[in-house]
C-alpha atoms as a PDB file:
ATOM      1  CA  MET A   1     111.320  89.337  94.498  1.00  0.00           C
ATOM      2  CA  ARG A   2     108.673  88.073  92.094  1.00  0.00           C
ATOM      3  CA  ILE A   3     106.008  90.315  90.549  1.00  0.00           C
ATOM      4  CA  LYS A   4     102.952  89.290  88.555  1.00  0.00           C
ATOM      5  CA  GLU A   5      99.861  91.036  87.197  1.00  0.00           C
ATOM      6  CA  ILE A   6      96.765  89.923  89.092  1.00  0.00           C
ATOM      7  CA  THR A   7      94.166  90.792  86.431  1.00  0.00           C
ATOM      8  CA  PRO A   8      94.265  92.823  83.203  1.00  0.00           C
ATOM      9  CA  PHE A   9      92.249  95.615  84.858  1.00  0.00           C
ATOM     10  CA  ILE A  10      93.631  95.923  88.409  1.00  0.00           C
ATOM     11  CA  GLY A  11      96.343  94.724  90.741  1.00  0.00           C
ATOM     12  CA  ALA A  12      99.896  93.441  91.016  1.00  0.00           C
ATOM     13  CA  GLU A  13     101.222  90.778  93.370  1.00  0.00           C
ATOM     14  CA  ILE A  14     104.669  90.722  94.970  1.00  0.00           C
ATOM     15  CA  SER A  15     106.085  87.630  96.623  1.00  0.00           C
ATOM     16  CA  GLY A  16     109.444  86.595  97.997  1.00  0.00           C
ATOM     17  CA  VAL A  17     110.089  89.728 100.064  1.00  0.00           C
ATOM     18  CA  ASP A  18     110.113  90.366 103.806  1.00  0.00           C
ATOM     19  CA  TYR A  19     110.147  93.457 106.003  1.00  0.00           C
ATOM     20  CA  GLN A  20     113.924  93.805 105.772  1.00  0.00           C
ATOM     21  CA  ASP A  21     113.790  93.665 101.969  1.00  0.00           C
ATOM     22  CA  LEU A  22     111.339  96.566 102.019  1.00  0.00           C
ATOM     23  CA  GLN A  23     113.899  98.658 103.900  1.00  0.00           C
ATOM     24  CA  ARG A  24     115.877  98.797 100.661  1.00  0.00           C
ATOM     25  CA  PRO A  25     114.807 101.966  98.796  1.00  0.00           C
ATOM     26  CA  GLU A  26     114.653 100.306  95.382  1.00  0.00           C
ATOM     27  CA  VAL A  27     112.346  97.540  96.655  1.00  0.00           C
ATOM     28  CA  PHE A  28     109.985  99.922  98.436  1.00  0.00           C
ATOM     29  CA  GLU A  29     109.940 102.273  95.438  1.00  0.00           C
ATOM     30  CA  ARG A  30     108.933  99.347  93.226  1.00  0.00           C
ATOM     31  CA  LEU A  31     106.023  98.603  95.565  1.00  0.00           C
ATOM     32  CA  VAL A  32     104.881 102.228  95.440  1.00  0.00           C
ATOM     33  CA  ASP A  33     105.175 102.324  91.648  1.00  0.00           C
ATOM     34  CA  LEU A  34     102.980  99.225  91.371  1.00  0.00           C
ATOM     35  CA  VAL A  35     100.356 100.846  93.597  1.00  0.00           C
ATOM     36  CA  HIS A  36     100.367 103.961  91.422  1.00  0.00           C
ATOM     37  CA  GLN A  37     100.236 102.129  88.092  1.00  0.00           C
ATOM     38  CA  ARG A  38      98.054  99.123  88.984  1.00  0.00           C
ATOM     39  CA  GLU A  39      95.728 100.743  91.596  1.00  0.00           C
ATOM     40  CA  LEU A  40      96.629  98.153  94.231  1.00  0.00           C
ATOM     41  CA  ALA A  41      99.532  95.912  95.180  1.00  0.00           C
ATOM     42  CA  VAL A  42      99.483  92.710  97.225  1.00  0.00           C
ATOM     43  CA  VAL A  43     102.559  91.567  99.150  1.00  0.00           C
ATOM     44  CA  ARG A  44     102.099  87.933 100.088  1.00  0.00           C
ATOM     45  CA  GLY A  45     103.225  86.551 103.436  1.00  0.00           C
ATOM     46  CA  LEU A  46     104.676  89.755 104.880  1.00  0.00           C
ATOM     47  CA  ALA A  47     104.944  89.226 108.642  1.00  0.00           C
ATOM     48  CA  LEU A  48     104.633  92.589 110.403  1.00  0.00           C
ATOM     49  CA  THR A  49     104.174  93.932 113.903  1.00  0.00           C
ATOM     50  CA  PRO A  50     101.732  96.833 114.238  1.00  0.00           C
ATOM     51  CA  GLN A  51     104.687  99.188 114.653  1.00  0.00           C
ATOM     52  CA  GLN A  52     106.319  97.864 111.479  1.00  0.00           C
ATOM     53  CA  GLN A  53     103.089  98.386 109.538  1.00  0.00           C
ATOM     54  CA  ILE A  54     102.997 102.003 110.715  1.00  0.00           C
ATOM     55  CA  GLU A  55     106.664 102.421 109.736  1.00  0.00           C
ATOM     56  CA  LEU A  56     105.962 101.183 106.203  1.00  0.00           C
ATOM     57  CA  ALA A  57     102.916 103.411 105.967  1.00  0.00           C
ATOM     58  CA  SER A  58     104.969 106.417 107.098  1.00  0.00           C
ATOM     59  CA  ARG A  59     107.310 105.907 104.145  1.00  0.00           C
ATOM     60  CA  LEU A  60     104.371 106.197 101.777  1.00  0.00           C
ATOM     61  CA  GLY A  61     102.893 109.251 103.490  1.00  0.00           C
ATOM     62  CA  ARG A  62     101.536 110.274 106.881  1.00  0.00           C
ATOM     63  CA  PRO A  63      99.520 107.641 108.776  1.00  0.00           C
ATOM     64  CA  VAL A  64      96.445 109.211 110.332  1.00  0.00           C
ATOM     65  CA  PRO A  65      94.206 107.938 113.138  1.00  0.00           C
ATOM     66  CA  PHE A  66      90.890 106.589 111.897  1.00  0.00           C
ATOM     67  CA  LEU A  67      88.053 109.143 112.101  1.00  0.00           C
ATOM     68  CA  MET A  68      86.046 107.057 114.573  1.00  0.00           C
ATOM     69  CA  ALA A  69      88.142 106.673 117.741  1.00  0.00           C
ATOM     70  CA  LYS A  70      86.311 103.616 119.070  1.00  0.00           C
ATOM     71  CA  TYR A  71      87.667 101.513 116.186  1.00  0.00           C
ATOM     72  CA  ARG A  72      91.348 102.363 116.767  1.00  0.00           C
ATOM     73  CA  HIS A  73      94.078  99.998 118.003  1.00  0.00           C
ATOM     74  CA  PRO A  74      94.519 100.670 121.760  1.00  0.00           C
ATOM     75  CA  GLU A  75      98.301 101.115 121.480  1.00  0.00           C
ATOM     76  CA  HIS A  76      98.599 102.365 117.903  1.00  0.00           C
ATOM     77  CA  PRO A  77      95.820 104.862 117.071  1.00  0.00           C
ATOM     78  CA  GLU A  78      96.919 104.953 113.422  1.00  0.00           C
ATOM     79  CA  ILE A  79      95.616 101.389 113.068  1.00  0.00           C
ATOM     80  CA  MET A  80      91.923 100.647 112.743  1.00  0.00           C
ATOM     81  CA  ILE A  81      91.082  97.079 113.762  1.00  0.00           C
ATOM     82  CA  SER A  82      88.542  95.313 111.595  1.00  0.00           C
ATOM     83  CA  SER A  83      87.643  92.171 113.543  1.00  0.00           C
ATOM     84  CA  ASN A  84      84.772  89.971 114.634  1.00  0.00           C
ATOM     85  CA  ALA A  85      86.865  88.407 117.415  1.00  0.00           C
ATOM     86  CA  VAL A  86      85.927  88.739 121.092  1.00  0.00           C
ATOM     87  CA  ARG A  87      88.360  88.641 124.033  1.00  0.00           C
ATOM     88  CA  GLU A  88      87.252  88.696 127.654  1.00  0.00           C
ATOM     89  CA  ASN A  89      83.706  89.404 126.492  1.00  0.00           C
ATOM     90  CA  ARG A  90      84.809  92.527 124.627  1.00  0.00           C
ATOM     91  CA  PRO A  91      85.032  93.038 120.842  1.00  0.00           C
ATOM     92  CA  VAL A  92      88.597  93.223 119.551  1.00  0.00           C
ATOM     93  CA  GLY A  93      87.557  95.654 116.812  1.00  0.00           C
ATOM     94  CA  VAL A  94      84.656  96.534 114.583  1.00  0.00           C
ATOM     95  CA  ALA A  95      82.936  93.691 112.761  1.00  0.00           C
ATOM     96  CA  ARG A  96      81.298  93.934 109.336  1.00  0.00           C
ATOM     97  CA  VAL A  97      83.001  97.122 108.242  1.00  0.00           C
ATOM     98  CA  GLY A  98      82.997  98.121 104.572  1.00  0.00           C
ATOM     99  CA  ASN A  99      80.705  95.305 103.415  1.00  0.00           C
ATOM    100  CA  PHE A 100      79.440  97.430 100.506  1.00  0.00           C
ATOM    101  CA  TRP A 101      81.108  98.909  97.437  1.00  0.00           C
ATOM    102  CA  HIS A 102      82.829 102.215  98.175  1.00  0.00           C
ATOM    103  CA  GLN A 103      85.908 104.385  97.840  1.00  0.00           C
ATOM    104  CA  ASP A 104      87.386 105.011 101.279  1.00  0.00           C
ATOM    105  CA  SER A 105      86.149 108.127 103.105  1.00  0.00           C
ATOM    106  CA  SER A 106      84.755 109.818  99.993  1.00  0.00           C
ATOM    107  CA  TYR A 107      82.277 111.492 102.361  1.00  0.00           C
ATOM    108  CA  THR A 108      85.122 113.695 103.669  1.00  0.00           C
ATOM    109  CA  LYS A 109      86.524 116.813 102.036  1.00  0.00           C
ATOM    110  CA  ASP A 110      90.072 115.467 101.636  1.00  0.00           C
ATOM    111  CA  PRO A 111      90.156 111.647 101.865  1.00  0.00           C
ATOM    112  CA  ALA A 112      93.522 110.064 102.580  1.00  0.00           C
ATOM    113  CA  PRO A 113      94.913 108.880  99.211  1.00  0.00           C
ATOM    114  CA  TYR A 114      96.198 105.458 100.342  1.00  0.00           C
ATOM    115  CA  THR A 115      94.885 102.543 102.393  1.00  0.00           C
ATOM    116  CA  MET A 116      97.034  99.706 103.757  1.00  0.00           C
ATOM    117  CA  LEU A 117      95.563  96.449 105.118  1.00  0.00           C
ATOM    118  CA  HIS A 118      97.470  93.689 106.898  1.00  0.00           C
ATOM    119  CA  GLY A 119      95.895  90.256 107.343  1.00  0.00           C
ATOM    120  CA  VAL A 120      96.550  89.330 110.981  1.00  0.00           C
ATOM    121  CA  ASP A 121      94.108  86.443 111.452  1.00  0.00           C
ATOM    122  CA  VAL A 122      92.287  85.631 108.241  1.00  0.00           C
ATOM    123  CA  PRO A 123      90.237  82.657 107.038  1.00  0.00           C
ATOM    124  CA  SER A 124      90.850  81.386 103.526  1.00  0.00           C
ATOM    125  CA  THR A 125      87.243  80.378 102.861  1.00  0.00           C
ATOM    126  CA  SER A 126      85.373  83.632 103.601  1.00  0.00           C
ATOM    127  CA  GLY A 127      85.920  87.269 104.492  1.00  0.00           C
ATOM    128  CA  HIS A 128      87.403  88.051 101.088  1.00  0.00           C
ATOM    129  CA  THR A 129      87.836  91.606  99.782  1.00  0.00           C
ATOM    130  CA  LEU A 130      86.534  92.556  96.340  1.00  0.00           C
ATOM    131  CA  TYR A 131      88.268  95.219  94.243  1.00  0.00           C
ATOM    132  CA  ALA A 132      87.407  97.096  91.045  1.00  0.00           C
ATOM    133  CA  SER A 133      89.258  99.817  89.165  1.00  0.00           C
ATOM    134  CA  ALA A 134      87.441 103.168  89.008  1.00  0.00           C
ATOM    135  CA  ALA A 135      89.197 103.895  85.693  1.00  0.00           C
ATOM    136  CA  ASP A 136      87.950 100.603  84.270  1.00  0.00           C
ATOM    137  CA  VAL A 137      84.456 101.425  85.563  1.00  0.00           C
ATOM    138  CA  TYR A 138      84.520 104.795  83.809  1.00  0.00           C
ATOM    139  CA  ASP A 139      85.762 103.222  80.571  1.00  0.00           C
ATOM    140  CA  ARG A 140      82.770 100.859  80.565  1.00  0.00           C
ATOM    141  CA  LEU A 141      80.095 103.522  81.042  1.00  0.00           C
ATOM    142  CA  PRO A 142      77.875 104.099  77.993  1.00  0.00           C
ATOM    143  CA  ARG A 143      78.904 107.137  75.962  1.00  0.00           C
ATOM    144  CA  GLU A 144      75.655 108.969  76.680  1.00  0.00           C
ATOM    145  CA  TRP A 145      76.265 108.706  80.417  1.00  0.00           C
ATOM    146  CA  LYS A 146      79.842 109.906  80.080  1.00  0.00           C
ATOM    147  CA  GLU A 147      78.442 112.963  78.326  1.00  0.00           C
ATOM    148  CA  LYS A 148      75.746 113.480  80.987  1.00  0.00           C
ATOM    149  CA  ILE A 149      78.181 113.405  83.924  1.00  0.00           C
ATOM    150  CA  ALA A 150      80.963 115.426  82.295  1.00  0.00           C
ATOM    151  CA  GLY A 151      81.765 118.428  84.476  1.00  0.00           C
ATOM    152  CA  ARG A 152      79.258 117.441  87.169  1.00  0.00           C
ATOM    153  CA  THR A 153      79.750 117.016  90.892  1.00  0.00           C
ATOM    154  CA  ALA A 154      78.086 114.631  93.331  1.00  0.00           C
ATOM    155  CA  LEU A 155      77.091 115.128  96.948  1.00  0.00           C
ATOM    156  CA  HIS A 156      78.788 112.558  99.193  1.00  0.00           C
ATOM    157  CA  THR A 157      77.465 111.606 102.634  1.00  0.00           C
ATOM    158  CA  VAL A 158      78.016 108.917 105.255  1.00  0.00           C
ATOM    159  CA  SER A 159      74.419 109.146 106.474  1.00  0.00           C
ATOM    160  CA  LYS A 160      73.279 106.137 104.405  1.00  0.00           C
ATOM    161  CA  ARG A 161      75.697 103.888 106.292  1.00  0.00           C
ATOM    162  CA  GLN A 162      75.304 105.212 109.847  1.00  0.00           C
ATOM    163  CA  ARG A 163      75.215 102.470 112.474  1.00  0.00           C
ATOM    164  CA  ILE A 164      72.282 102.677 114.882  1.00  0.00           C
ATOM    165  CA  SER A 165      73.204 102.795 118.592  1.00  0.00           C
ATOM    166  CA  ALA A 166      71.321 103.091 121.879  1.00  0.00           C
ATOM    167  CA  ASP A 167      71.816 106.863 121.726  1.00  0.00           C
ATOM    168  CA  HIS A 168      69.647 106.975 118.609  1.00  0.00           C
ATOM    169  CA  VAL A 169      66.561 105.299 120.084  1.00  0.00           C
ATOM    170  CA  GLY A 170      63.494 107.471 119.565  1.00  0.00           C
ATOM    171  CA  LEU A 171      64.967 109.570 116.764  1.00  0.00           C
ATOM    172  CA  SER A 172      63.183 109.824 113.442  1.00  0.00           C
ATOM    173  CA  ILE A 173      65.111 109.013 110.253  1.00  0.00           C
ATOM    174  CA  ALA A 174      65.319 112.734 109.496  1.00  0.00           C
ATOM    175  CA  GLU A 175      66.646 113.490 112.991  1.00  0.00           C
ATOM    176  CA  LEU A 176      69.222 110.710 112.761  1.00  0.00           C
ATOM    177  CA  ARG A 177      70.399 111.950 109.387  1.00  0.00           C
ATOM    178  CA  ALA A 178      70.695 115.515 110.692  1.00  0.00           C
ATOM    179  CA  LEU A 179      72.741 114.260 113.650  1.00  0.00           C
ATOM    180  CA  VAL A 180      75.133 112.360 111.379  1.00  0.00           C
ATOM    181  CA  GLU A 181      75.482 115.259 108.962  1.00  0.00           C
ATOM    182  CA  GLU A 182      76.300 117.616 111.820  1.00  0.00           C
ATOM    183  CA  GLU A 183      79.366 115.482 112.573  1.00  0.00           C
ATOM    184  CA  TYR A 184      80.159 114.605 108.931  1.00  0.00           C
ATOM    185  CA  PRO A 185      78.690 117.341 106.707  1.00  0.00           C
ATOM    186  CA  PRO A 186      77.971 116.324 103.094  1.00  0.00           C
ATOM    187  CA  VAL A 187      80.700 117.285 100.623  1.00  0.00           C
ATOM    188  CA  GLU A 188      80.831 117.732  96.858  1.00  0.00           C
ATOM    189  CA  HIS A 189      83.376 115.972  94.656  1.00  0.00           C
ATOM    190  CA  ALA A 190      83.825 115.954  90.892  1.00  0.00           C
ATOM    191  CA  LEU A 191      82.305 112.808  89.368  1.00  0.00           C
ATOM    192  CA  VAL A 192      85.051 112.350  86.793  1.00  0.00           C
ATOM    193  CA  ARG A 193      88.694 112.845  87.702  1.00  0.00           C
ATOM    194  CA  ARG A 194      92.028 112.197  86.049  1.00  0.00           C
ATOM    195  CA  ASP A 195      94.613 109.967  87.727  1.00  0.00           C
ATOM    196  CA  PRO A 196      97.886 111.953  87.820  1.00  0.00           C
ATOM    197  CA  PHE A 197      99.962 108.754  87.762  1.00  0.00           C
ATOM    198  CA  THR A 198      98.330 106.949  84.833  1.00  0.00           C
ATOM    199  CA  GLY A 199      96.618 109.805  82.997  1.00  0.00           C
ATOM    200  CA  ARG A 200      93.350 107.838  82.907  1.00  0.00           C
ATOM    201  CA  ASP A 201      89.939 109.301  83.712  1.00  0.00           C
ATOM    202  CA  TYR A 202      88.089 107.537  86.527  1.00  0.00           C
ATOM    203  CA  LEU A 203      84.684 107.656  88.204  1.00  0.00           C
ATOM    204  CA  TYR A 204      84.645 109.020  91.741  1.00  0.00           C
ATOM    205  CA  GLY A 205      81.641 107.969  93.764  1.00  0.00           C
ATOM    206  CA  ALA A 206      79.624 104.914  94.791  1.00  0.00           C
ATOM    207  CA  PRO A 207      75.885 104.919  95.553  1.00  0.00           C
ATOM    208  CA  GLU A 208      76.279 104.019  99.238  1.00  0.00           C
ATOM    209  CA  TYR A 209      78.347 107.156  99.871  1.00  0.00           C
ATOM    210  CA  MET A 210      76.559 109.455  97.403  1.00  0.00           C
ATOM    211  CA  ASP A 211      73.355 111.331  98.077  1.00  0.00           C
ATOM    212  CA  SER A 212      72.869 112.633  94.553  1.00  0.00           C
ATOM    213  CA  VAL A 213      74.468 114.024  91.425  1.00  0.00           C
ATOM    214  CA  VAL A 214      74.112 117.790  91.502  1.00  0.00           C
ATOM    215  CA  GLY A 215      71.641 118.849  88.804  1.00  0.00           C
ATOM    216  CA  PHE A 216      70.069 115.414  88.300  1.00  0.00           C
ATOM    217  CA  ASP A 217      66.426 114.836  89.173  1.00  0.00           C
ATOM    218  CA  ALA A 218      65.315 111.851  91.274  1.00  0.00           C
ATOM    219  CA  ASN A 219      64.779 109.604  88.249  1.00  0.00           C
ATOM    220  CA  GLU A 220      68.179 110.438  86.750  1.00  0.00           C
ATOM    221  CA  ASN A 221      69.891 109.775  90.072  1.00  0.00           C
ATOM    222  CA  ALA A 222      68.145 106.435  90.497  1.00  0.00           C
ATOM    223  CA  GLU A 223      69.021 105.393  86.946  1.00  0.00           C
ATOM    224  CA  PHE A 224      72.641 106.482  87.279  1.00  0.00           C
ATOM    225  CA  PHE A 225      73.123 104.792  90.650  1.00  0.00           C
ATOM    226  CA  ALA A 226      71.661 101.534  89.310  1.00  0.00           C
ATOM    227  CA  LEU A 227      73.959 101.742  86.299  1.00  0.00           C
ATOM    228  CA  ILE A 228      77.179 102.263  88.227  1.00  0.00           C
ATOM    229  CA  ASP A 229      76.212  99.596  90.760  1.00  0.00           C
ATOM    230  CA  SER A 230      75.969  97.075  87.929  1.00  0.00           C
ATOM    231  CA  VAL A 231      79.173  98.246  86.240  1.00  0.00           C
ATOM    232  CA  ILE A 232      81.219  98.201  89.462  1.00  0.00           C
ATOM    233  CA  GLN A 233      79.983  94.719  90.399  1.00  0.00           C
ATOM    234  CA  ASP A 234      80.434  93.086  86.986  1.00  0.00           C
ATOM    235  CA  PRO A 235      82.120  89.794  88.003  1.00  0.00           C
ATOM    236  CA  ASP A 236      84.302  89.841  84.894  1.00  0.00           C
ATOM    237  CA  HIS A 237      85.905  93.051  86.160  1.00  0.00           C
ATOM    238  CA  VAL A 238      86.199  92.319  89.890  1.00  0.00           C
ATOM    239  CA  TYR A 239      89.305  90.984  91.622  1.00  0.00           C
ATOM    240  CA  THR A 240      88.509  88.813  94.647  1.00  0.00           C
ATOM    241  CA  HIS A 241      91.340  88.881  97.154  1.00  0.00           C
ATOM    242  CA  ARG A 242      91.274  85.630  99.120  1.00  0.00           C
ATOM    243  CA  TRP A 243      93.321  86.438 102.172  1.00  0.00           C
ATOM    244  CA  THR A 244      96.210  84.384 103.476  1.00  0.00           C
ATOM    245  CA  THR A 245      97.994  85.115 106.740  1.00  0.00           C
ATOM    246  CA  ASP A 246     100.230  88.212 106.658  1.00  0.00           C
ATOM    247  CA  ASP A 247      99.071  89.486 103.280  1.00  0.00           C
ATOM    248  CA  LEU A 248      99.666  93.217 102.909  1.00  0.00           C
ATOM    249  CA  VAL A 249      97.374  95.056 100.477  1.00  0.00           C
ATOM    250  CA  VAL A 250      97.971  98.704  99.553  1.00  0.00           C
ATOM    251  CA  TRP A 251      95.753 100.726  97.227  1.00  0.00           C
ATOM    252  CA  LYS A 252      94.917 104.204  95.987  1.00  0.00           C
ATOM    253  CA  THR A 253      91.652 105.087  97.672  1.00  0.00           C
ATOM    254  CA  ALA A 254      90.268 107.352  94.944  1.00  0.00           C
ATOM    255  CA  THR A 255      90.777 104.972  92.030  1.00  0.00           C
ATOM    256  CA  THR A 256      89.871 101.719  93.784  1.00  0.00           C
ATOM    257  CA  TYR A 257      86.375 100.503  94.632  1.00  0.00           C
ATOM    258  CA  HIS A 258      86.240  97.723  97.194  1.00  0.00           C
ATOM    259  CA  ALA A 259      83.871  95.740  99.409  1.00  0.00           C
ATOM    260  CA  ALA A 260      84.299  93.152 102.151  1.00  0.00           C
ATOM    261  CA  THR A 261      82.428  89.849 101.953  1.00  0.00           C
ATOM    262  CA  ALA A 262      80.821  88.102 104.914  1.00  0.00           C
ATOM    263  CA  VAL A 263      82.751  85.878 107.318  1.00  0.00           C
ATOM    264  CA  GLU A 264      81.244  82.429 107.786  1.00  0.00           C
ATOM    265  CA  PRO A 265      79.747  81.607 111.225  1.00  0.00           C
ATOM    266  CA  GLY A 266      82.173  80.388 113.876  1.00  0.00           C
ATOM    267  CA  VAL A 267      85.239  81.846 112.147  1.00  0.00           C
ATOM    268  CA  THR A 268      87.236  84.865 113.306  1.00  0.00           C
ATOM    269  CA  ARG A 269      88.884  87.450 111.091  1.00  0.00           C
ATOM    270  CA  THR A 270      91.181  90.314 112.103  1.00  0.00           C
ATOM    271  CA  VAL A 271      92.706  92.832 109.706  1.00  0.00           C
ATOM    272  CA  HIS A 272      94.711  95.954 110.575  1.00  0.00           C
ATOM    273  CA  ARG A 273      94.023  99.023 108.453  1.00  0.00           C
ATOM    274  CA  VAL A 274      96.026 102.247 108.131  1.00  0.00           C
ATOM    275  CA  SER A 275      94.884 105.334 106.226  1.00  0.00           C
ATOM    276  CA  ILE A 276      97.760 107.324 104.750  1.00  0.00           C
ATOM    277  CA  GLU A 277      97.766 110.990 103.832  1.00  0.00           C
ATOM    278  CA  GLU A 278     100.060 112.469 101.200  1.00  0.00           C
ATOM    279  CA  ASP A 279     103.233 114.164 102.396  1.00  0.00           C
ATOM    280  CA  GLY A 280     104.497 115.258  98.983  1.00  0.00           C
ATOM    281  CA  GLN A 281     107.160 112.581  98.549  1.00  0.00           C
ATOM    282  CA  TRP A 282     105.167 110.525  96.039  1.00  0.00           C
ATOM    283  CA  ALA A 283     103.138 113.298  94.420  1.00  0.00           C
ATOM    284  CA  ALA A 284     102.753 112.913  90.653  1.00  0.00           C
END
């Protein structure tokens, strides 16, 4: 097993291990420790069946079916298929998911703390995933903004990213938003949190999943959202994961911002995702 730091601000890479190696407690515990300390860990070239991915996920916590049933694997509901492939004139999965900066499921009351992606069919020239550390983002905020957001909460919502379907034809924007918020009511989360594993403060919230900071006026919200957008996307502080076949990427959802990049025309990409809830085994 070989381990290397990916960047100074986020990530560790493991190579030279296979599924059987990860059955050894000391190897799996090292993977989990890297996730906790480095926000995300990449295991290169880890061939897995869907069932094996679920088994690994179940050792980290409790795999949970994705919120939106239509995106689930037909035989393994714990797996969400992110894919632009088409078979027999039917989509294999959901295309263009997560192509904006976010922290997974922050629009829910209790987001699953871990995400695990497995690269099933991945191009090397496009469809990358970008990552940024929420602790690093917080560290780089101007002092005056750290003082302004201290102790504040933000209202998180999925309504900004709702996909339009045939069922929504004829609805006004306000009606569509009300429909979405009936299914996924807005929730409040603290803007600044402390990572129990590293002891670092981190920013929780991205503009695409936040409606507003509670207590800010419209101008303050607009200014703050523009600021954190620029800080998150600073290219000097972003890790670009260029996928190779069978890469496994595991990260802490709260402390890791990420975004998918576009897939070039004529190329297919399929990635299997599992969301993992805490079961107490790895609690700090």
